[in-house]
Amino acid sequence: MTWRVAPRSVRGKAVLGSGLAIAAFGAFIGLASYLVVTQSATASVVASIDARISEVSEQLSEKAPSDPGTIDLDPPTGPDPTYVQVVGPDGRVVAATPGVASDVVLCPSPLPITPVQDRVSLTAAGSSGDFLRIVTPVTNGSREFAVCVIGSVDPMSRAQDAVLLALAVAFPLLVLAVCVVVWLAVGRALHAVEDMRAQADAMQSTSDGLLRIPDTGDEVEHLGHTLNGLLGRLHQQTRATRQFVADAGHELRNPLSTLRVTLEFGQDADDDDLRHSVREALADLDRLEALTQDLLVLARSDAQEGPPEAAPMDLADVAAEAVAASRRGNPQLTITVSTRQCTVIGDPAALRSLVSNLLDNAARHARSTVSADVRPEGDMAVLRVDDDGVGLSVDDCARVFERFVRLDAARDRDEGGSGLGLAIVSAIAEAHGGSALAEPGPGGHFLVRIPLARA
């Protein structure tokens, strides 16, 4: 069996910690108070004894050396009196407080030659107990006398008892009060946390909305806003994923349907018809393969996976190769390229896909010319692709990078566009630490910025 001393709850830990802290602090304050009160009470008794010594010493110095016994000593008064005894050089008592018996010796033997302070237990004038004693040598002429004065230590004991009683009563009440206050305060804060936890536990899907946040103005409210921000991003990601799946299913359904019809037709066709059907089926398979590859690129981007391969490469060379391929595929267009060396760190296949998608998009919308330009600007490599087509409106410049977006009739599925090309451009640019943007027309204008490799 394992015994657990510390509580499991935050509330219990806070109460235990605060209780132990106030107990340690209270013990320190109590000890300091006890010492201060003891010192103060002792100083009061010593001051009273010193006053009596000064009074007796003054009288003794005024008396004749041969007649010191006429010293006037007042009888003891008050609840805590002092008792005086004057002893001559021969050890005989020459004067004493009335009521102190002659056989009671207040002075030590032998007599000290310097002032002495100590504590003694004795009976004087019917009072028994502990006393504080001070012995002071006094010279009268050529003779040395000793003035011995004792005072009761009861004032010190009473002061100490008063402090201990106050600590015994007030200290537990203080610890209890602090624990109660901490229990209530932490409970109030944790009530809001528990309420948000219950709300989150009751959520069955991301469509259940956001958490109700208490208006506390403290860290709990800030935590609630942070959690709602996270839920909002999750909601947005879920909606985007659902839309992506729906759009992908729609895009895949068309070539699959066409492929099925083509293959079914080819079952009963002659050789020429069969060859034509197979060519159409292969074209649809090419579209499916390209679309699947595009979906994989975007899925990897959504998973925030970096490029599988990263190596230094010249973006100008990539652009030149892509322009050469685009010229072969679009002989009706004039495609020009202007480059300056721009070394970047990236995945060669991904960057080729980025440039090819930009050029394919421009070729689909250009009237006659497409131009590509690569050059360094500051610490960025800038790829710019322009065409002489209609171009984009200001509102469409941001939407054009969304998935499966077609902004005009020219962007239709029959021409081979899947609506993912520019989304892939944006995803690849972001995966390489860059960005992609479009500028409004006339004409199409697209810019991609990728950080240059550091020397």
Protein backbone atom coordinates (compact mmCIF):
# COMPACT_ATOMS: atom_id res chain seq x y z
CA MET A 1 0.00 0.00 0.00
CA THR A 2 1.31 3.44 -0.95
CA TRP A 3 0.48 6.36 1.33
CA ARG A 4 0.16 9.69 -0.42
CA VAL A 5 0.77 12.74 1.78
CA ALA A 6 0.45 15.54 -0.76
CA PRO A 7 -3.06 16.22 -2.08
CA ARG A 8 -3.83 15.54 -5.74
CA SER A 9 -5.96 18.61 -6.46
CA VAL A 10 -4.57 22.04 -7.27
CA ARG A 11 -6.84 23.48 -4.61
CA GLY A 12 -5.48 21.14 -1.93
CA LYS A 13 -1.88 21.80 -2.98
CA ALA A 14 -2.45 25.55 -2.81
CA VAL A 15 -3.99 25.30 0.67
CA LEU A 16 -1.24 23.00 1.92
CA GLY A 17 1.51 25.19 0.48
CA SER A 18 0.05 28.42 1.86
CA GLY A 19 -0.55 26.77 5.25
CA LEU A 20 3.04 25.57 5.48
CA ALA A 21 4.36 28.94 4.33
CA ILE A 22 2.34 30.92 6.88
CA ALA A 23 3.25 28.39 9.57
CA ALA A 24 6.97 28.84 8.87
CA PHE A 25 6.60 32.62 8.75
CA GLY A 26 4.50 32.62 11.93
CA ALA A 27 7.05 30.47 13.74
CA PHE A 28 9.79 32.92 12.82
CA ILE A 29 7.70 35.91 13.93
CA GLY A 30 6.73 34.11 17.16
CA LEU A 31 10.32 33.30 18.03
CA ALA A 32 11.40 36.87 17.29
CA SER A 33 8.52 38.25 19.42
CA TYR A 34 9.42 35.92 22.30
CA LEU A 35 13.05 37.03 22.24
CA VAL A 36 12.17 40.73 21.99
CA VAL A 37 9.65 40.58 24.84
CA THR A 38 12.09 38.61 27.04
CA GLN A 39 14.83 41.12 26.35
CA SER A 40 12.50 44.05 27.06
CA ALA A 41 11.26 42.56 30.34
CA THR A 42 14.81 41.74 31.44
CA ALA A 43 15.92 45.29 30.62
CA SER A 44 13.05 46.65 32.75
CA VAL A 45 14.09 44.55 35.78
CA VAL A 46 17.76 45.49 35.30
CA ALA A 47 16.80 49.17 35.09
CA SER A 48 14.90 48.91 38.36
CA ILE A 49 17.86 47.19 40.06
CA ASP A 50 20.32 49.74 38.65
CA ALA A 51 18.20 52.54 40.03
CA ARG A 52 18.37 50.99 43.51
CA ILE A 53 22.11 50.44 43.21
CA SER A 54 22.63 54.06 42.21
CA GLU A 55 20.53 55.27 45.14
CA VAL A 56 22.39 53.09 47.71
CA SER A 57 25.81 53.85 46.23
CA GLU A 58 25.12 57.58 46.50
CA GLN A 59 24.13 57.28 50.15
CA LEU A 60 27.11 55.05 50.88
CA SER A 61 29.55 57.51 49.39
CA GLU A 62 28.12 60.31 51.55
CA LYS A 63 28.45 58.36 54.84
CA ALA A 64 31.49 58.31 57.04
CA PRO A 65 33.68 55.31 56.34
CA SER A 66 33.33 54.23 59.96
CA ASP A 67 29.53 54.42 60.04
CA PRO A 68 27.96 53.00 56.85
CA GLY A 69 25.20 51.23 58.69
CA THR A 70 22.97 54.28 58.83
CA ILE A 71 22.02 53.88 55.15
CA ASP A 72 18.34 54.54 54.68
CA LEU A 73 16.76 51.60 52.82
CA ASP A 74 13.04 51.76 52.06
CA PRO A 75 10.87 48.72 52.80
CA PRO A 76 9.89 46.65 49.73
CA THR A 77 6.74 47.80 47.88
CA GLY A 78 4.79 46.73 44.81
CA PRO A 79 4.14 43.31 43.32
CA ASP A 80 7.77 42.89 42.23
CA PRO A 81 9.99 44.54 44.88
CA THR A 82 13.77 44.70 44.95
CA TYR A 83 15.87 43.74 47.97
CA VAL A 84 19.17 45.39 48.93
CA GLN A 85 22.03 44.21 51.07
CA VAL A 86 25.28 46.10 51.73
CA VAL A 87 28.26 43.98 52.79
CA GLY A 88 31.44 45.39 54.29
CA PRO A 89 35.01 44.38 53.50
CA ASP A 90 34.97 41.91 56.39
CA GLY A 91 31.95 40.10 54.94
CA ARG A 92 29.48 41.43 57.51
CA VAL A 93 26.07 42.79 56.41
CA VAL A 94 26.11 46.51 57.28
CA ALA A 95 22.70 47.38 55.82
CA ALA A 96 19.71 45.52 54.37
CA THR A 97 16.17 46.13 53.16
CA PRO A 98 13.71 45.91 56.07
CA GLY A 99 12.24 42.44 56.26
CA VAL A 100 15.31 40.63 54.96
CA ALA A 101 16.52 38.33 57.74
CA SER A 102 20.07 38.71 58.97
CA ASP A 103 20.87 35.12 58.13
CA VAL A 104 19.85 35.60 54.49
CA VAL A 105 22.90 36.21 52.34
CA LEU A 106 22.21 38.06 49.10
CA CYS A 107 25.82 38.63 48.16
CA PRO A 108 28.11 35.91 46.83
CA SER A 109 31.24 34.87 48.64
CA PRO A 110 33.91 35.94 48.06
CA LEU A 111 32.84 39.42 47.05
CA PRO A 112 33.57 40.30 43.42
CA ILE A 113 35.90 43.16 42.59
CA THR A 114 33.89 44.07 39.44
CA PRO A 115 30.11 44.35 38.85
CA VAL A 116 28.45 40.93 38.43
CA GLN A 117 24.97 40.00 37.12
CA ASP A 118 23.49 36.52 37.56
CA ARG A 119 20.33 34.61 38.54
CA VAL A 120 19.81 32.96 41.94
CA SER A 121 17.10 30.98 43.70
CA LEU A 122 16.51 31.97 47.33
CA THR A 123 14.00 33.19 49.91
CA ALA A 124 14.01 36.87 50.90
CA ALA A 125 11.46 38.63 53.10
CA GLY A 126 9.12 35.68 52.75
CA SER A 127 9.36 35.62 48.95
CA SER A 128 10.82 32.52 47.39
CA GLY A 129 11.73 32.02 43.77
CA ASP A 130 14.18 33.05 41.11
CA PHE A 131 15.77 36.48 41.23
CA LEU A 132 18.03 38.54 39.03
CA ARG A 133 21.04 39.67 41.10
CA ILE A 134 23.49 42.49 40.44
CA VAL A 135 26.51 42.98 42.69
CA THR A 136 28.38 46.31 42.44
CA PRO A 137 31.58 47.19 44.42
CA VAL A 138 31.46 50.68 46.02
CA THR A 139 34.46 52.48 47.62
CA ASN A 140 33.94 54.53 50.77
CA GLY A 141 37.20 56.13 51.72
CA SER A 142 39.70 53.33 51.91
CA ARG A 143 37.12 50.65 52.49
CA GLU A 144 35.46 48.49 49.82
CA PHE A 145 31.79 47.66 50.18
CA ALA A 146 29.53 45.52 47.99
CA VAL A 147 25.97 46.57 47.13
CA CYS A 148 23.87 43.52 46.33
CA VAL A 149 20.40 44.04 44.82
CA ILE A 150 18.01 41.31 43.70
CA GLY A 151 14.79 41.68 41.72
CA SER A 152 12.12 39.10 40.94
CA VAL A 153 12.11 37.58 37.45
CA ASP A 154 8.33 37.23 37.56
CA PRO A 155 7.84 40.18 35.14
CA MET A 156 9.93 38.32 32.57
CA SER A 157 7.99 35.11 33.12
CA ARG A 158 4.65 36.91 32.83
CA ALA A 159 5.72 38.60 29.58
CA GLN A 160 6.94 35.32 28.15
CA ASP A 161 3.72 33.54 29.17
CA ALA A 162 1.67 36.33 27.57
CA VAL A 163 3.55 35.94 24.28
CA LEU A 164 3.19 32.16 24.32
CA LEU A 165 -0.53 32.44 25.09
CA ALA A 166 -1.04 34.94 22.27
CA LEU A 167 0.85 32.69 19.85
CA ALA A 168 -1.07 29.61 20.99
CA VAL A 169 -4.39 31.36 20.30
CA ALA A 170 -3.65 33.70 17.39
CA PHE A 171 -1.25 31.54 15.43
CA PRO A 172 -3.64 28.63 14.71
CA LEU A 173 -6.42 31.12 13.92
CA LEU A 174 -4.11 32.92 11.48
CA VAL A 175 -3.13 29.69 9.74
CA LEU A 176 -6.77 28.63 9.56
CA ALA A 177 -7.86 32.01 8.17
CA VAL A 178 -5.18 31.94 5.48
CA CYS A 179 -6.10 28.38 4.48
CA VAL A 180 -9.79 29.30 4.26
CA VAL A 181 -9.06 32.38 2.14
CA VAL A 182 -6.78 30.41 -0.20
CA TRP A 183 -9.36 27.60 -0.42
CA LEU A 184 -12.10 30.04 -1.43
CA ALA A 185 -9.92 32.08 -3.80
CA VAL A 186 -8.45 29.07 -5.60
CA GLY A 187 -11.87 27.42 -5.68
CA ARG A 188 -13.34 30.49 -7.37
CA ALA A 189 -10.59 30.49 -10.00
CA LEU A 190 -10.81 26.74 -10.56
CA HIS A 191 -14.59 26.89 -10.88
CA ALA A 192 -14.14 28.79 -14.13
CA VAL A 193 -11.54 26.26 -15.31
CA GLU A 194 -13.80 23.35 -14.39
CA ASP A 195 -16.68 24.98 -16.26
CA MET A 196 -14.56 25.27 -19.43
CA ARG A 197 -13.35 21.69 -18.97
CA ALA A 198 -16.95 20.44 -18.72
CA GLN A 199 -17.87 22.38 -21.87
CA ALA A 200 -14.91 20.91 -23.76
CA ASP A 201 -15.78 17.41 -22.51
CA ALA A 202 -19.35 17.81 -23.74
CA MET A 203 -18.22 18.73 -27.27
CA GLN A 204 -18.80 15.91 -29.72
CA SER A 205 -17.41 17.54 -32.86
CA THR A 206 -15.79 20.72 -34.10
CA SER A 207 -19.21 22.06 -35.05
CA ASP A 208 -20.26 22.48 -31.42
CA GLY A 209 -19.09 26.08 -31.26
CA LEU A 210 -16.73 27.80 -28.84
CA LEU A 211 -16.32 27.82 -25.07
CA ARG A 212 -18.18 30.28 -22.84
CA ILE A 213 -15.43 32.33 -21.21
CA PRO A 214 -15.94 33.80 -17.71
CA ASP A 215 -15.35 37.53 -17.43
CA THR A 216 -12.71 37.28 -14.70
CA GLY A 217 -10.03 39.51 -16.21
CA ASP A 218 -7.26 37.14 -15.09
CA GLU A 219 -5.17 34.31 -16.52
CA VAL A 220 -8.23 32.03 -16.64
CA GLU A 221 -9.95 34.38 -19.09
CA HIS A 222 -6.77 34.58 -21.15
CA LEU A 223 -6.62 30.77 -21.21
CA GLY A 224 -10.23 30.67 -22.40
CA HIS A 225 -9.48 33.05 -25.29
CA THR A 226 -6.44 30.96 -26.23
CA LEU A 227 -8.49 27.76 -26.24
CA ASN A 228 -11.22 29.42 -28.33
CA GLY A 229 -8.56 30.56 -30.79
CA LEU A 230 -7.35 26.97 -31.05
CA LEU A 231 -10.92 25.70 -31.50
CA GLY A 232 -11.50 28.30 -34.18
CA ARG A 233 -8.44 27.15 -36.10
CA LEU A 234 -9.53 23.53 -35.73
CA HIS A 235 -13.01 24.42 -37.00
CA GLN A 236 -11.52 26.20 -39.98
CA GLN A 237 -9.16 23.31 -40.72
CA THR A 238 -12.02 20.81 -40.46
CA ARG A 239 -14.17 22.84 -42.86
CA ALA A 240 -11.25 23.14 -45.27
CA THR A 241 -10.60 19.39 -45.06
CA ARG A 242 -14.25 18.57 -45.72
CA GLN A 243 -14.35 20.97 -48.64
CA PHE A 244 -11.11 19.53 -49.95
CA VAL A 245 -12.43 15.97 -49.79
CA ALA A 246 -15.68 17.00 -51.48
CA ASP A 247 -13.87 18.89 -54.26
CA ALA A 248 -11.37 16.08 -54.75
CA GLY A 249 -14.19 13.53 -55.03
CA HIS A 250 -15.93 15.73 -57.58
CA GLU A 251 -12.75 16.16 -59.60
CA LEU A 252 -11.99 12.45 -59.58
CA ARG A 253 -15.53 11.41 -60.47
CA ASN A 254 -15.50 13.04 -63.93
CA PRO A 255 -12.40 11.32 -65.38
CA LEU A 256 -13.40 8.03 -63.77
CA SER A 257 -16.83 8.21 -65.38
CA THR A 258 -15.32 9.09 -68.73
CA LEU A 259 -12.79 6.29 -68.41
CA ARG A 260 -15.52 3.74 -67.62
CA VAL A 261 -17.64 4.81 -70.61
CA THR A 262 -14.62 4.71 -72.88
CA LEU A 263 -13.58 1.24 -71.79
CA GLU A 264 -17.14 -0.12 -72.01
CA PHE A 265 -17.45 1.29 -75.52
CA GLY A 266 -14.14 -0.31 -76.47
CA GLN A 267 -15.42 -3.76 -75.53
CA ASP A 268 -17.58 -4.01 -78.68
CA ALA A 269 -15.71 -1.69 -81.04
CA ASP A 270 -13.59 -2.52 -84.10
CA ASP A 271 -9.86 -1.96 -84.13
CA ASP A 272 -9.95 1.74 -85.10
CA ASP A 273 -12.62 2.53 -82.54
CA LEU A 274 -10.75 0.51 -79.93
CA ARG A 275 -7.53 2.40 -80.56
CA HIS A 276 -9.40 5.71 -80.29
CA SER A 277 -11.07 4.59 -77.06
CA VAL A 278 -7.76 3.46 -75.60
CA ARG A 279 -6.16 6.82 -76.46
CA GLU A 280 -9.00 8.63 -74.69
CA ALA A 281 -8.71 6.26 -71.71
CA LEU A 282 -4.97 6.94 -71.50
CA ALA A 283 -5.63 10.67 -71.61
CA ASP A 284 -8.06 10.31 -68.73
CA LEU A 285 -5.53 8.22 -66.85
CA ASP A 286 -2.97 10.96 -67.39
CA ARG A 287 -5.41 13.45 -65.89
CA LEU A 288 -6.06 11.13 -62.95
CA GLU A 289 -2.35 10.62 -62.39
CA ALA A 290 -1.67 14.37 -62.50
CA LEU A 291 -4.60 15.12 -60.21
CA THR A 292 -3.53 12.42 -57.74
CA GLN A 293 0.01 13.81 -57.71
CA ASP A 294 -1.35 17.31 -57.08
CA LEU A 295 -3.51 16.01 -54.22
CA LEU A 296 -0.51 14.28 -52.66
CA VAL A 297 1.52 17.50 -52.82
CA LEU A 298 -1.26 19.44 -51.11
CA ALA A 299 -1.81 16.70 -48.52
CA ARG A 300 1.87 16.82 -47.62
CA SER A 301 1.62 20.60 -47.36
CA ASP A 302 -1.41 20.33 -45.03
CA ALA A 303 0.57 17.93 -42.83
CA GLN A 304 3.28 20.63 -42.64
CA GLU A 305 5.91 18.27 -43.95
CA GLY A 306 8.94 19.96 -45.40
CA PRO A 307 10.39 19.08 -48.81
CA PRO A 308 11.78 15.51 -48.79
CA GLU A 309 15.04 16.66 -50.35
CA ALA A 310 16.79 19.99 -49.76
CA ALA A 311 19.89 21.00 -51.67
CA PRO A 312 21.45 24.18 -53.10
CA MET A 313 20.20 24.86 -56.60
CA ASP A 314 19.94 27.73 -59.06
CA LEU A 315 16.32 28.81 -59.51
CA ALA A 316 17.32 30.39 -62.83
CA ASP A 317 18.28 26.97 -64.25
CA VAL A 318 14.97 25.49 -63.08
CA ALA A 319 13.06 28.31 -64.78
CA ALA A 320 15.03 27.93 -68.02
CA GLU A 321 14.29 24.17 -68.16
CA ALA A 322 10.59 24.72 -67.47
CA VAL A 323 10.36 27.43 -70.16
CA ALA A 324 11.97 25.09 -72.70
CA ALA A 325 9.41 22.39 -71.89
CA SER A 326 6.54 24.89 -72.07
CA ARG A 327 7.68 26.08 -75.50
CA ARG A 328 7.50 22.51 -76.79
CA GLY A 329 4.00 22.06 -75.41
CA ASN A 330 2.70 25.45 -76.59
CA PRO A 331 4.23 26.17 -80.00
CA GLN A 332 1.51 28.75 -80.75
CA LEU A 333 2.82 31.06 -77.97
CA THR A 334 5.91 33.21 -77.68
CA ILE A 335 7.53 32.31 -74.36
CA THR A 336 10.56 34.29 -73.23
CA VAL A 337 12.80 33.97 -70.19
CA SER A 338 15.22 36.34 -68.48
CA THR A 339 17.33 35.07 -65.59
CA ARG A 340 20.08 35.95 -63.17
CA GLN A 341 21.71 33.48 -60.81
CA CYS A 342 19.60 32.86 -57.68
CA THR A 343 20.86 30.02 -55.47
CA VAL A 344 18.22 28.69 -53.10
CA ILE A 345 17.91 25.68 -50.77
CA GLY A 346 15.02 23.46 -51.79
CA ASP A 347 13.57 20.33 -53.32
CA PRO A 348 14.40 20.30 -57.05
CA ALA A 349 11.28 18.35 -58.03
CA ALA A 350 9.00 20.61 -56.00
CA LEU A 351 10.51 23.81 -57.41
CA ARG A 352 10.23 22.45 -60.97
CA SER A 353 6.56 21.73 -60.25
CA LEU A 354 6.13 25.28 -58.96
CA VAL A 355 7.59 26.89 -62.09
CA SER A 356 5.76 24.48 -64.44
CA ASN A 357 2.40 25.18 -62.82
CA LEU A 358 2.91 28.93 -63.12
CA LEU A 359 3.85 28.59 -66.80
CA ASP A 360 0.95 26.19 -67.54
CA ASN A 361 -1.47 28.63 -65.92
CA ALA A 362 -0.08 31.52 -67.96
CA ALA A 363 -0.14 29.48 -71.19
CA ARG A 364 -3.84 28.60 -70.71
CA HIS A 365 -4.82 32.27 -70.43
CA ALA A 366 -2.30 34.04 -72.67
CA ARG A 367 -3.29 35.42 -76.07
CA SER A 368 0.16 35.23 -77.61
CA THR A 369 3.02 35.81 -75.18
CA VAL A 370 4.28 34.56 -71.83
CA SER A 371 7.38 35.88 -70.08
CA ALA A 372 9.33 34.54 -67.10
CA ASP A 373 11.92 36.47 -65.12
CA VAL A 374 14.18 35.31 -62.25
CA ARG A 375 16.35 37.74 -60.33
CA PRO A 376 17.56 38.41 -56.75
CA GLU A 377 15.96 41.18 -54.70
CA GLY A 378 17.64 41.69 -51.34
CA ASP A 379 17.78 38.32 -49.58
CA MET A 380 15.01 36.82 -51.76
CA ALA A 381 14.92 35.12 -55.15
CA VAL A 382 11.96 36.49 -57.13
CA LEU A 383 10.28 34.53 -59.91
CA ARG A 384 7.84 36.56 -62.02
CA VAL A 385 5.56 35.10 -64.71
CA ASP A 386 3.43 37.40 -66.91
CA ASP A 387 1.01 36.79 -69.77
CA ASP A 388 -1.03 39.03 -72.07
CA GLY A 389 -4.39 37.50 -71.16
CA VAL A 390 -7.36 39.15 -69.51
CA GLY A 391 -5.81 39.06 -66.03
CA LEU A 392 -7.40 39.12 -62.60
CA SER A 393 -9.48 41.63 -60.69
CA VAL A 394 -8.30 42.98 -57.37
CA ASP A 395 -10.75 40.77 -55.45
CA ASP A 396 -9.67 37.62 -57.31
CA CYS A 397 -5.93 38.04 -56.65
CA ALA A 398 -6.20 36.29 -53.27
CA ARG A 399 -8.85 33.71 -54.23
CA VAL A 400 -6.88 32.44 -57.20
CA PHE A 401 -4.58 30.47 -54.87
CA GLU A 402 -7.45 28.57 -53.26
CA ARG A 403 -8.00 24.94 -54.21
CA PHE A 404 -10.35 24.00 -57.05
CA VAL A 405 -11.06 27.66 -57.78
CA ARG A 406 -11.93 28.67 -61.35
CA LEU A 407 -12.62 32.35 -61.80
CA ASP A 408 -13.84 32.39 -65.43
CA ALA A 409 -15.15 30.18 -68.16
CA ALA A 410 -11.69 29.76 -69.64
CA ARG A 411 -10.66 27.74 -66.58
CA ASP A 412 -12.73 24.62 -67.27
CA ARG A 413 -12.03 20.97 -66.74
CA ASP A 414 -12.13 20.13 -70.42
CA GLU A 415 -8.91 22.07 -70.96
CA GLY A 416 -7.09 19.96 -68.41
CA GLY A 417 -7.00 22.36 -65.49
CA SER A 418 -7.75 20.77 -62.12
CA GLY A 419 -7.96 24.01 -60.16
CA LEU A 420 -4.99 22.93 -58.04
CA GLY A 421 -2.04 24.38 -59.95
CA LEU A 422 -1.85 27.76 -58.22
CA ALA A 423 -2.72 26.20 -54.85
CA ILE A 424 0.31 23.94 -55.33
CA VAL A 425 2.44 26.97 -56.24
CA SER A 426 1.45 28.67 -52.98
CA ALA A 427 1.98 25.51 -50.92
CA ILE A 428 5.45 24.85 -52.35
CA ALA A 429 6.50 28.47 -51.88
CA GLU A 430 5.40 28.42 -48.24
CA ALA A 431 7.13 25.08 -47.65
CA HIS A 432 10.38 26.75 -48.79
CA GLY A 433 9.87 29.74 -46.50
CA GLY A 434 8.56 32.00 -49.24
CA SER A 435 5.27 33.31 -50.58
CA ALA A 436 3.21 33.60 -53.78
CA LEU A 437 0.98 36.48 -54.85
CA ALA A 438 -0.96 37.70 -57.86
CA GLU A 439 -1.32 41.22 -59.22
CA PRO A 440 -4.42 42.59 -60.97
CA GLY A 441 -4.66 42.88 -64.74
CA PRO A 442 -4.73 43.69 -67.53
CA GLY A 443 -2.68 40.60 -68.15
CA GLY A 444 -1.76 37.87 -65.71
CA HIS A 445 1.00 38.68 -63.24
CA PHE A 446 2.29 36.19 -60.63
CA LEU A 447 5.26 36.55 -58.27
CA VAL A 448 6.97 33.96 -56.10
CA ARG A 449 9.55 34.89 -53.47
CA ILE A 450 11.91 32.28 -51.98
CA PRO A 451 14.80 33.03 -49.58
CA LEU A 452 18.24 32.97 -51.14
CA ALA A 453 20.79 30.49 -49.78
CA ARG A 454 23.21 32.09 -47.34
CA ALA A 455 26.83 32.15 -48.40
